[in-house]
PDB file of N, CA and C in Angstrom:
ATOM      1  N   MET A   1       0.818  -1.517  -0.502  1.00  0.00           N
ATOM      2  CA  MET A   1      -0.015   0.013   0.110  1.00  0.00           C
ATOM      3  C   MET A   1       0.601   1.226  -0.161  1.00  0.00           C
ATOM      4  N   GLN A   2       0.412   2.212  -1.554  1.00  0.00           N
ATOM      5  CA  GLN A   2       1.739   3.231  -0.917  1.00  0.00           C
ATOM      6  C   GLN A   2       1.520   4.180  -0.114  1.00  0.00           C
ATOM      7  N   HIS A   3       0.228   4.111   0.616  1.00  0.00           N
ATOM      8  CA  HIS A   3       0.118   4.531   2.211  1.00  0.00           C
ATOM      9  C   HIS A   3       1.304   4.718   2.733  1.00  0.00           C
ATOM     10  N   SER A   4       1.187   3.469   3.137  1.00  0.00           N
ATOM     11  CA  SER A   4       2.231   2.429   4.298  1.00  0.00           C
ATOM     12  C   SER A   4       3.522   3.051   4.031  1.00  0.00           C
ATOM     13  N   GLN A   5       3.872   3.141   2.854  1.00  0.00           N
ATOM     14  CA  GLN A   5       5.342   3.458   2.302  1.00  0.00           C
ATOM     15  C   GLN A   5       6.108   5.163   2.665  1.00  0.00           C
ATOM     16  N   PHE A   6       4.330   6.247   2.081  1.00  0.00           N
ATOM     17  CA  PHE A   6       4.327   7.757   1.637  1.00  0.00           C
ATOM     18  C   PHE A   6       4.515   7.730   3.666  1.00  0.00           C
ATOM     19  N   LEU A   7       3.828   7.422   4.232  1.00  0.00           N
ATOM     20  CA  LEU A   7       3.953   7.513   6.166  1.00  0.00           C
ATOM     21  C   LEU A   7       5.318   7.054   7.273  1.00  0.00           C
ATOM     22  N   GLY A   8       5.449   5.936   6.037  1.00  0.00           N
ATOM     23  CA  GLY A   8       6.642   5.719   6.752  1.00  0.00           C
ATOM     24  C   GLY A   8       7.991   6.947   6.765  1.00  0.00           C
ATOM     25  N   ASP A   9       7.941   7.099   5.058  1.00  0.00           N
ATOM     26  CA  ASP A   9       8.895   7.829   4.809  1.00  0.00           C
ATOM     27  C   ASP A   9       8.888   9.441   5.009  1.00  0.00           C
ATOM     28  N   LEU A  10       7.300   9.509   5.808  1.00  0.00           N
ATOM     29  CA  LEU A  10       6.915  11.248   6.487  1.00  0.00           C
ATOM     30  C   LEU A  10       7.627  11.007   8.061  1.00  0.00           C
ATOM     31  N   LEU A  11       7.532   9.809   8.409  1.00  0.00           N
ATOM     32  CA  LEU A  11       7.540   9.885   9.604  1.00  0.00           C
ATOM     33  C   LEU A  11       9.604   9.921  10.259  1.00  0.00           C
ATOM     34  N   SER A  12       9.702   9.216   8.856  1.00  0.00           N
ATOM     35  CA  SER A  12      11.010   9.511   9.103  1.00  0.00           C
ATOM     36  C   SER A  12      11.824  11.482   8.906  1.00  0.00           C
ATOM     37  N   ALA A  13      10.908  11.430   7.979  1.00  0.00           N
ATOM     38  CA  ALA A  13      11.613  12.742   8.021  1.00  0.00           C
ATOM     39  C   ALA A  13      11.506  13.567   9.077  1.00  0.00           C
ATOM     40  N   LEU A  14      10.775  13.352   9.297  1.00  0.00           N
ATOM     41  CA  LEU A  14       9.675  14.354   9.762  1.00  0.00           C
ATOM     42  C   LEU A  14      10.622  14.355  11.826  1.00  0.00           C
ATOM     43  N   PHE A  15      10.789  13.588  12.268  1.00  0.00           N
ATOM     44  CA  PHE A  15      10.891  13.205  13.474  1.00  0.00           C
ATOM     45  C   PHE A  15      12.727  13.502  13.283  1.00  0.00           C
ATOM     46  N   ASP A  16      13.373  13.668  11.951  1.00  0.00           N
ATOM     47  CA  ASP A  16      14.594  13.363  11.955  1.00  0.00           C
ATOM     48  C   ASP A  16      15.359  15.000  11.918  1.00  0.00           C
ATOM     49  N   ARG A  17      14.209  15.903  11.269  1.00  0.00           N
ATOM     50  CA  ARG A  17      14.149  17.151  10.981  1.00  0.00           C
ATOM     51  C   ARG A  17      13.467  18.236  12.067  1.00  0.00           C
ATOM     52  N   ARG A  18      13.008  17.580  12.946  1.00  0.00           N
ATOM     53  CA  ARG A  18      11.366  18.466  13.408  1.00  0.00           C
ATOM     54  C   ARG A  18      11.975  19.908  14.341  1.00  0.00           C
ATOM     55  N   ASN A  19      12.950  20.113  14.621  1.00  0.00           N
ATOM     56  CA  ASN A  19      13.629  20.622  14.866  1.00  0.00           C
ATOM     57  C   ASN A  19      14.448  21.421  14.031  1.00  0.00           C
ATOM     58  N   ALA A  20      15.097  21.345  12.553  1.00  0.00           N
ATOM     59  CA  ALA A  20      15.378  21.924  12.097  1.00  0.00           C
ATOM     60  C   ALA A  20      15.262  23.247  11.571  1.00  0.00           C
ATOM     61  N   LEU A  21      13.855  23.121  11.559  1.00  0.00           N
ATOM     62  CA  LEU A  21      12.939  23.948  10.543  1.00  0.00           C
ATOM     63  C   LEU A  21      11.796  24.776  11.601  1.00  0.00           C
ATOM     64  N   GLY A  22      10.952  26.158  11.517  1.00  0.00           N
ATOM     65  CA  GLY A  22      10.369  26.728  12.802  1.00  0.00           C
ATOM     66  C   GLY A  22       8.919  27.398  11.852  1.00  0.00           C
ATOM     67  N   GLY A  23       8.674  26.237  12.150  1.00  0.00           N
ATOM     68  CA  GLY A  23       6.708  25.740  11.778  1.00  0.00           C
ATOM     69  C   GLY A  23       5.657  26.553  12.502  1.00  0.00           C
ATOM     70  N   GLU A  24       6.477  26.912  13.436  1.00  0.00           N
ATOM     71  CA  GLU A  24       5.171  27.437  14.135  1.00  0.00           C
ATOM     72  C   GLU A  24       5.134  28.309  14.012  1.00  0.00           C
ATOM     73  N   ASN A  25       5.535  29.269  12.904  1.00  0.00           N
ATOM     74  CA  ASN A  25       4.703  30.422  11.705  1.00  0.00           C
ATOM     75  C   ASN A  25       3.472  30.296  11.049  1.00  0.00           C
ATOM     76  N   ASP A  26       2.493  29.101  10.737  1.00  0.00           N
ATOM     77  CA  ASP A  26       2.491  29.380  10.000  1.00  0.00           C
ATOM     78  C   ASP A  26       0.500  28.794  10.876  1.00  0.00           C
ATOM     79  N   THR A  27      -0.332  29.500  10.048  1.00  0.00           N
ATOM     80  CA  THR A  27      -1.383  30.165  11.363  1.00  0.00           C
ATOM     81  C   THR A  27      -3.043  29.170  10.500  1.00  0.00           C
ATOM     82  N   ARG A  28      -2.834  27.667   9.767  1.00  0.00           N
ATOM     83  CA  ARG A  28      -3.291  27.311   9.330  1.00  0.00           C
ATOM     84  C   ARG A  28      -3.206  25.910  10.617  1.00  0.00           C
ATOM     85  N   THR A  29      -4.872  25.258  10.227  1.00  0.00           N
ATOM     86  CA  THR A  29      -4.902  23.985  11.091  1.00  0.00           C
ATOM     87  C   THR A  29      -4.319  23.241  11.240  1.00  0.00           C
ATOM     88  N   ILE A  30      -4.229  22.244  12.196  1.00  0.00           N
ATOM     89  CA  ILE A  30      -3.415  20.888  11.498  1.00  0.00           C
ATOM     90  C   ILE A  30      -3.548  20.638  10.316  1.00  0.00           C
ATOM     91  N   ILE A  31      -5.262  20.103  10.194  1.00  0.00           N
ATOM     92  CA  ILE A  31      -5.576  19.273   9.521  1.00  0.00           C
ATOM     93  C   ILE A  31      -5.695  20.277   7.515  1.00  0.00           C
ATOM     94  N   ASP A  32      -5.639  21.720   7.560  1.00  0.00           N
ATOM     95  CA  ASP A  32      -5.050  22.413   6.295  1.00  0.00           C
ATOM     96  C   ASP A  32      -3.767  21.764   6.301  1.00  0.00           C
ATOM     97  N   LEU A  33      -2.737  21.778   6.770  1.00  0.00           N
ATOM     98  CA  LEU A  33      -1.837  21.669   6.570  1.00  0.00           C
ATOM     99  C   LEU A  33      -1.521  19.764   6.003  1.00  0.00           C
ATOM    100  N   CYS A  34      -1.919  19.247   6.844  1.00  0.00           N
ATOM    101  CA  CYS A  34      -2.575  18.014   6.411  1.00  0.00           C
ATOM    102  C   CYS A  34      -2.185  17.439   4.887  1.00  0.00           C
ATOM    103  N   ARG A  35      -3.028  18.559   4.647  1.00  0.00           N
ATOM    104  CA  ARG A  35      -3.988  18.687   3.369  1.00  0.00           C
ATOM    105  C   ARG A  35      -2.953  19.314   2.179  1.00  0.00           C
ATOM    106  N   ALA A  36      -2.553  20.304   2.809  1.00  0.00           N
ATOM    107  CA  ALA A  36      -1.405  20.880   2.303  1.00  0.00           C
ATOM    108  C   ALA A  36       0.182  19.985   1.795  1.00  0.00           C
ATOM    109  N   LEU A  37       0.504  19.454   2.881  1.00  0.00           N
ATOM    110  CA  LEU A  37       1.328  18.125   2.634  1.00  0.00           C
ATOM    111  C   LEU A  37       1.160  17.531   1.808  1.00  0.00           C
ATOM    112  N   LEU A  38       0.041  16.836   1.169  1.00  0.00           N
ATOM    113  CA  LEU A  38      -0.456  15.917   0.285  1.00  0.00           C
ATOM    114  C   LEU A  38      -0.715  16.496  -0.896  1.00  0.00           C
ATOM    115  N   SER A  39      -1.059  17.784  -0.956  1.00  0.00           N
ATOM    116  CA  SER A  39      -1.449  18.593  -2.370  1.00  0.00           C
ATOM    117  C   SER A  39      -0.006  19.070  -3.103  1.00  0.00           C
ATOM    118  N   PRO A  40      -0.075  19.270  -4.089  1.00  0.00           N
ATOM    119  CA  PRO A  40       1.013  20.205  -4.823  1.00  0.00           C
ATOM    120  C   PRO A  40       1.657  20.835  -4.101  1.00  0.00           C
ATOM    121  N   GLU A  41       1.272  21.947  -3.148  1.00  0.00           N
ATOM    122  CA  GLU A  41       1.789  22.260  -1.908  1.00  0.00           C
ATOM    123  C   GLU A  41       3.247  22.355  -1.952  1.00  0.00           C
ATOM    124  N   GLY A  42       2.630  20.983  -0.974  1.00  0.00           N
ATOM    125  CA  GLY A  42       3.741  19.731  -0.676  1.00  0.00           C
ATOM    126  C   GLY A  42       5.210  19.119  -1.354  1.00  0.00           C
ATOM    127  N   GLU A  43       4.874  19.184  -2.118  1.00  0.00           N
ATOM    128  CA  GLU A  43       5.851  18.527  -3.334  1.00  0.00           C
ATOM    129  C   GLU A  43       7.334  19.633  -3.237  1.00  0.00           C
ATOM    130  N   VAL A  44       6.594  20.950  -2.974  1.00  0.00           N
ATOM    131  CA  VAL A  44       7.516  21.831  -3.064  1.00  0.00           C
ATOM    132  C   VAL A  44       7.985  22.746  -1.301  1.00  0.00           C
ATOM    133  N   SER A  45       7.155  22.345  -1.436  1.00  0.00           N
ATOM    134  CA  SER A  45       7.675  22.899   0.231  1.00  0.00           C
ATOM    135  C   SER A  45       6.712  22.177   1.267  1.00  0.00           C
ATOM    136  N   GLY A  46       7.701  20.883   1.495  1.00  0.00           N
ATOM    137  CA  GLY A  46       6.601  19.279   2.162  1.00  0.00           C
ATOM    138  C   GLY A  46       7.731  19.155   3.686  1.00  0.00           C
ATOM    139  N   LEU A  47       9.034  19.643   3.590  1.00  0.00           N
ATOM    140  CA  LEU A  47       9.338  19.563   4.855  1.00  0.00           C
ATOM    141  C   LEU A  47       8.991  20.865   6.261  1.00  0.00           C
ATOM    142  N   SER A  48       8.995  21.870   5.280  1.00  0.00           N
ATOM    143  CA  SER A  48       9.044  22.959   6.190  1.00  0.00           C
ATOM    144  C   SER A  48       6.873  22.587   6.426  1.00  0.00           C
ATOM    145  N   LEU A  49       5.875  21.740   5.603  1.00  0.00           N
ATOM    146  CA  LEU A  49       4.711  21.898   6.154  1.00  0.00           C
ATOM    147  C   LEU A  49       4.918  21.191   7.160  1.00  0.00           C
ATOM    148  N   ALA A  50       5.161  19.758   7.055  1.00  0.00           N
ATOM    149  CA  ALA A  50       5.313  18.866   8.479  1.00  0.00           C
ATOM    150  C   ALA A  50       6.037  19.187   9.278  1.00  0.00           C
ATOM    151  N   SER A  51       7.245  20.382   9.344  1.00  0.00           N
ATOM    152  CA  SER A  51       7.351  20.884  10.660  1.00  0.00           C
ATOM    153  C   SER A  51       6.250  21.903  11.450  1.00  0.00           C
ATOM    154  N   SER A  52       5.722  22.021  10.016  1.00  0.00           N
ATOM    155  CA  SER A  52       4.617  23.022  10.970  1.00  0.00           C
ATOM    156  C   SER A  52       3.594  21.728  11.702  1.00  0.00           C
ATOM    157  N   VAL A  53       2.930  21.048  10.809  1.00  0.00           N
ATOM    158  CA  VAL A  53       2.482  19.883  11.106  1.00  0.00           C
ATOM    159  C   VAL A  53       2.972  19.399  13.083  1.00  0.00           C
ATOM    160  N   LEU A  54       4.356  19.331  13.218  1.00  0.00           N
ATOM    161  CA  LEU A  54       4.950  18.807  14.170  1.00  0.00           C
ATOM    162  C   LEU A  54       4.914  19.957  14.997  1.00  0.00           C
ATOM    163  N   ALA A  55       4.993  21.486  15.282  1.00  0.00           N
ATOM    164  CA  ALA A  55       4.924  22.149  16.084  1.00  0.00           C
ATOM    165  C   ALA A  55       3.724  22.217  15.953  1.00  0.00           C
ATOM    166  N   ARG A  56       2.716  22.371  15.148  1.00  0.00           N
ATOM    167  CA  ARG A  56       0.975  22.359  16.079  1.00  0.00           C
ATOM    168  C   ARG A  56       0.707  21.015  16.721  1.00  0.00           C
ATOM    169  N   ASP A  57       0.847  20.537  16.568  1.00  0.00           N
ATOM    170  CA  ASP A  57       0.515  18.507  17.408  1.00  0.00           C
ATOM    171  C   ASP A  57       1.117  18.971  18.975  1.00  0.00           C
ATOM    172  N   ARG A  58       2.195  19.936  19.259  1.00  0.00           N
ATOM    173  CA  ARG A  58       2.760  19.817  20.438  1.00  0.00           C
ATOM    174  C   ARG A  58       1.729  21.012  21.014  1.00  0.00           C
ATOM    175  N   THR A  59       1.175  21.421  20.473  1.00  0.00           N
ATOM    176  CA  THR A  59       0.052  22.251  20.823  1.00  0.00           C
ATOM    177  C   THR A  59      -1.311  22.158  21.822  1.00  0.00           C
ATOM    178  N   LEU A  60      -1.594  20.896  20.463  1.00  0.00           N
ATOM    179  CA  LEU A  60      -2.813  20.457  20.741  1.00  0.00           C
ATOM    180  C   LEU A  60      -3.161  19.883  21.905  1.00  0.00           C
ATOM    181  N   ALA A  61      -4.721  19.879  22.338  1.00  0.00           N
ATOM    182  CA  ALA A  61      -4.522  19.419  24.069  1.00  0.00           C
ATOM    183  C   ALA A  61      -5.482  18.105  23.578  1.00  0.00           C
ATOM    184  N   SER A  62      -6.218  17.552  24.336  1.00  0.00           N
ATOM    185  CA  SER A  62      -5.876  15.526  24.600  1.00  0.00           C
ATOM    186  C   SER A  62      -7.225  15.178  23.741  1.00  0.00           C
ATOM    187  N   ASP A  63      -7.830  16.468  23.474  1.00  0.00           N
ATOM    188  CA  ASP A  63      -9.173  16.023  22.115  1.00  0.00           C
ATOM    189  C   ASP A  63      -8.796  16.726  20.794  1.00  0.00           C
ATOM    190  N   GLN A  64      -8.296  17.751  20.841  1.00  0.00           N
ATOM    191  CA  GLN A  64      -7.579  17.983  19.747  1.00  0.00           C
ATOM    192  C   GLN A  64      -6.834  16.490  18.873  1.00  0.00           C
ATOM    193  N   LYS A  65      -5.689  16.301  19.952  1.00  0.00           N
ATOM    194  CA  LYS A  65      -5.368  15.373  19.748  1.00  0.00           C
ATOM    195  C   LYS A  65      -6.156  13.614  18.966  1.00  0.00           C
ATOM    196  N   LEU A  66      -6.396  13.960  19.485  1.00  0.00           N
ATOM    197  CA  LEU A  66      -8.067  12.185  18.994  1.00  0.00           C
ATOM    198  C   LEU A  66      -8.429  13.099  17.932  1.00  0.00           C
ATOM    199  N   GLY A  67      -9.601  14.525  18.223  1.00  0.00           N
ATOM    200  CA  GLY A  67      -9.517  14.724  16.513  1.00  0.00           C
ATOM    201  C   GLY A  67      -8.889  14.661  14.853  1.00  0.00           C
ATOM    202  N   PHE A  68      -7.376  15.211  15.603  1.00  0.00           N
ATOM    203  CA  PHE A  68      -6.646  15.118  14.405  1.00  0.00           C
ATOM    204  C   PHE A  68      -6.109  13.372  13.942  1.00  0.00           C
ATOM    205  N   PHE A  69      -5.992  12.496  15.355  1.00  0.00           N
ATOM    206  CA  PHE A  69      -5.927  10.936  14.227  1.00  0.00           C
ATOM    207  C   PHE A  69      -6.354  10.664  13.881  1.00  0.00           C
ATOM    208  N   THR A  70      -7.637  11.368  14.351  1.00  0.00           N
ATOM    209  CA  THR A  70      -9.208  10.432  13.848  1.00  0.00           C
ATOM    210  C   THR A  70      -9.058  10.910  12.297  1.00  0.00           C
ATOM    211  N   PHE A  71      -9.455  12.196  12.370  1.00  0.00           N
ATOM    212  CA  PHE A  71      -8.545  13.137  10.970  1.00  0.00           C
ATOM    213  C   PHE A  71      -7.781  11.989   9.684  1.00  0.00           C
ATOM    214  N   LEU A  72      -7.223  11.432  10.157  1.00  0.00           N
ATOM    215  CA  LEU A  72      -5.549  11.309   9.864  1.00  0.00           C
ATOM    216  C   LEU A  72      -6.363   9.807   9.171  1.00  0.00           C
ATOM    217  N   ASN A  73      -6.664   8.940  10.453  1.00  0.00           N
ATOM    218  CA  ASN A  73      -6.932   7.231   9.946  1.00  0.00           C
ATOM    219  C   ASN A  73      -8.546   7.663   8.961  1.00  0.00           C
ATOM    220  N   GLU A  74      -9.709   8.444   9.477  1.00  0.00           N
ATOM    221  CA  GLU A  74     -10.598   8.380   8.755  1.00  0.00           C
ATOM    222  C   GLU A  74     -10.468   8.747   7.523  1.00  0.00           C
ATOM    223  N   GLU A  75     -10.443  10.125   7.313  1.00  0.00           N
ATOM    224  CA  GLU A  75      -9.622  10.844   5.788  1.00  0.00           C
ATOM    225  C   GLU A  75      -8.960  10.642   4.796  1.00  0.00           C
ATOM    226  N   LEU A  76      -7.384  10.400   5.333  1.00  0.00           N
ATOM    227  CA  LEU A  76      -5.987   9.939   4.451  1.00  0.00           C
ATOM    228  C   LEU A  76      -6.163   8.105   4.710  1.00  0.00           C
ATOM    229  N   GLU A  77      -6.820   7.781   4.993  1.00  0.00           N
ATOM    230  CA  GLU A  77      -7.744   6.196   5.450  1.00  0.00           C
ATOM    231  C   GLU A  77      -5.910   5.211   5.279  1.00  0.00           C
ATOM    232  N   PHE A  78      -5.316   5.799   6.903  1.00  0.00           N
ATOM    233  CA  PHE A  78      -3.718   5.069   6.997  1.00  0.00           C
ATOM    234  C   PHE A  78      -4.213   3.857   8.084  1.00  0.00           C
ATOM    235  N   ASP A  79      -4.334   3.207   7.686  1.00  0.00           N
ATOM    236  CA  ASP A  79      -3.904   1.642   8.485  1.00  0.00           C
ATOM    237  C   ASP A  79      -3.147   2.259   9.666  1.00  0.00           C
ATOM    238  N   ALA A  80      -4.300   2.167  11.219  1.00  0.00           N
ATOM    239  CA  ALA A  80      -3.582   2.484  12.431  1.00  0.00           C
ATOM    240  C   ALA A  80      -3.032   1.507  13.002  1.00  0.00           C
ATOM    241  N   ALA A  81      -2.771   0.411  12.007  1.00  0.00           N
ATOM    242  CA  ALA A  81      -2.173  -1.707  12.708  1.00  0.00           C
ATOM    243  C   ALA A  81      -0.904  -0.718  11.763  1.00  0.00           C
ATOM    244  N   THR A  82      -0.436  -0.581  10.368  1.00  0.00           N
ATOM    245  CA  THR A  82       0.277  -0.586  10.082  1.00  0.00           C
ATOM    246  C   THR A  82       1.591   0.691  10.598  1.00  0.00           C
ATOM    247  N   VAL A  83       0.677   2.393  11.090  1.00  0.00           N
ATOM    248  CA  VAL A  83       1.181   2.959  11.369  1.00  0.00           C
ATOM    249  C   VAL A  83       2.164   2.634  12.916  1.00  0.00           C
ATOM    250  N   ALA A  84       0.872   1.743  13.781  1.00  0.00           N
ATOM    251  CA  ALA A  84       1.524   1.636  14.559  1.00  0.00           C
ATOM    252  C   ALA A  84       3.273   0.375  14.637  1.00  0.00           C
ATOM    253  N   SER A  85       2.992  -0.094  13.594  1.00  0.00           N
ATOM    254  CA  SER A  85       4.059  -1.007  12.929  1.00  0.00           C
ATOM    255  C   SER A  85       5.662  -0.009  12.879  1.00  0.00           C
ATOM    256  N   LEU A  86       5.432   1.028  12.037  1.00  0.00           N
ATOM    257  CA  LEU A  86       5.548   1.781  11.467  1.00  0.00           C
ATOM    258  C   LEU A  86       7.018   2.374  12.872  1.00  0.00           C
ATOM    259  N   ALA A  87       6.338   2.810  13.533  1.00  0.00           N
ATOM    260  CA  ALA A  87       6.201   3.434  14.930  1.00  0.00           C
ATOM    261  C   ALA A  87       7.489   2.616  15.758  1.00  0.00           C
ATOM    262  N   ALA A  88       6.881   1.328  15.682  1.00  0.00           N
ATOM    263  CA  ALA A  88       7.654   0.849  16.743  1.00  0.00           C
ATOM    264  C   ALA A  88       9.408   0.362  16.272  1.00  0.00           C
ATOM    265  N   GLU A  89       8.796   0.361  14.944  1.00  0.00           N
ATOM    266  CA  GLU A  89      10.292  -0.284  13.914  1.00  0.00           C
ATOM    267  C   GLU A  89      11.249   1.474  13.966  1.00  0.00           C
ATOM    268  N   TYR A  90      10.639   2.810  14.145  1.00  0.00           N
ATOM    269  CA  TYR A  90      11.134   3.397  14.249  1.00  0.00           C
ATOM    270  C   TYR A  90      11.983   3.905  15.905  1.00  0.00           C
ATOM    271  N   ALA A  91      11.139   3.071  16.737  1.00  0.00           N
ATOM    272  CA  ALA A  91      11.652   3.792  17.600  1.00  0.00           C
ATOM    273  C   ALA A  91      12.880   3.088  18.215  1.00  0.00           C
ATOM    274  N   SER A  92      12.691   1.591  17.828  1.00  0.00           N
ATOM    275  CA  SER A  92      13.181   0.855  18.264  1.00  0.00           C
ATOM    276  C   SER A  92      14.949   1.349  17.197  1.00  0.00           C
ATOM    277  N   ALA A  93      15.005   1.064  16.310  1.00  0.00           N
ATOM    278  CA  ALA A  93      15.840   1.796  15.712  1.00  0.00           C
ATOM    279  C   ALA A  93      15.806   2.875  14.539  1.00  0.00           C
ATOM    280  N   PRO A  94      16.111   3.943  15.551  1.00  0.00           N
ATOM    281  CA  PRO A  94      16.137   5.202  14.668  1.00  0.00           C
ATOM    282  C   PRO A  94      17.207   5.322  13.150  1.00  0.00           C
ATOM    283  N   SER A  95      18.619   4.782  13.916  1.00  0.00           N
ATOM    284  CA  SER A  95      19.015   5.291  12.619  1.00  0.00           C
ATOM    285  C   SER A  95      19.306   4.824  11.674  1.00  0.00           C
ATOM    286  N   GLN A  96      18.141   3.399  10.917  1.00  0.00           N
ATOM    287  CA  GLN A  96      17.795   3.105  10.618  1.00  0.00           C
ATOM    288  C   GLN A  96      17.707   3.452   9.281  1.00  0.00           C
ATOM    289  N   TRP A  97      16.593   4.551   9.584  1.00  0.00           N
ATOM    290  CA  TRP A  97      15.573   5.279   9.353  1.00  0.00           C
ATOM    291  C   TRP A  97      15.920   6.902   8.110  1.00  0.00           C
ATOM    292  N   ARG A  98      17.063   6.642   9.088  1.00  0.00           N
ATOM    293  CA  ARG A  98      17.856   7.721   7.956  1.00  0.00           C
ATOM    294  C   ARG A  98      18.537   7.228   6.483  1.00  0.00           C
TER     295      ARG A  98
END
């Protein structure tokens, strides 16, 4: 499934570079940032958008995080089991993802 490979690549890039860019300045919602990341805009400024998503995620309350992950799961059709597996793989050996 292409979503799984894309998500793995995205997570790797995000976690490796999350502090490299100042994504706190983008005022769009986290959902709008994700949509932009998956649009042609993401091809040009994907790293900056991803940084903004991470910056926004750090400010979300618990109920907002639940809404965000519901959006990821339902609207973007990510497979939760695959996401969990990829996250566990990354956590166990982050250097292999670089």
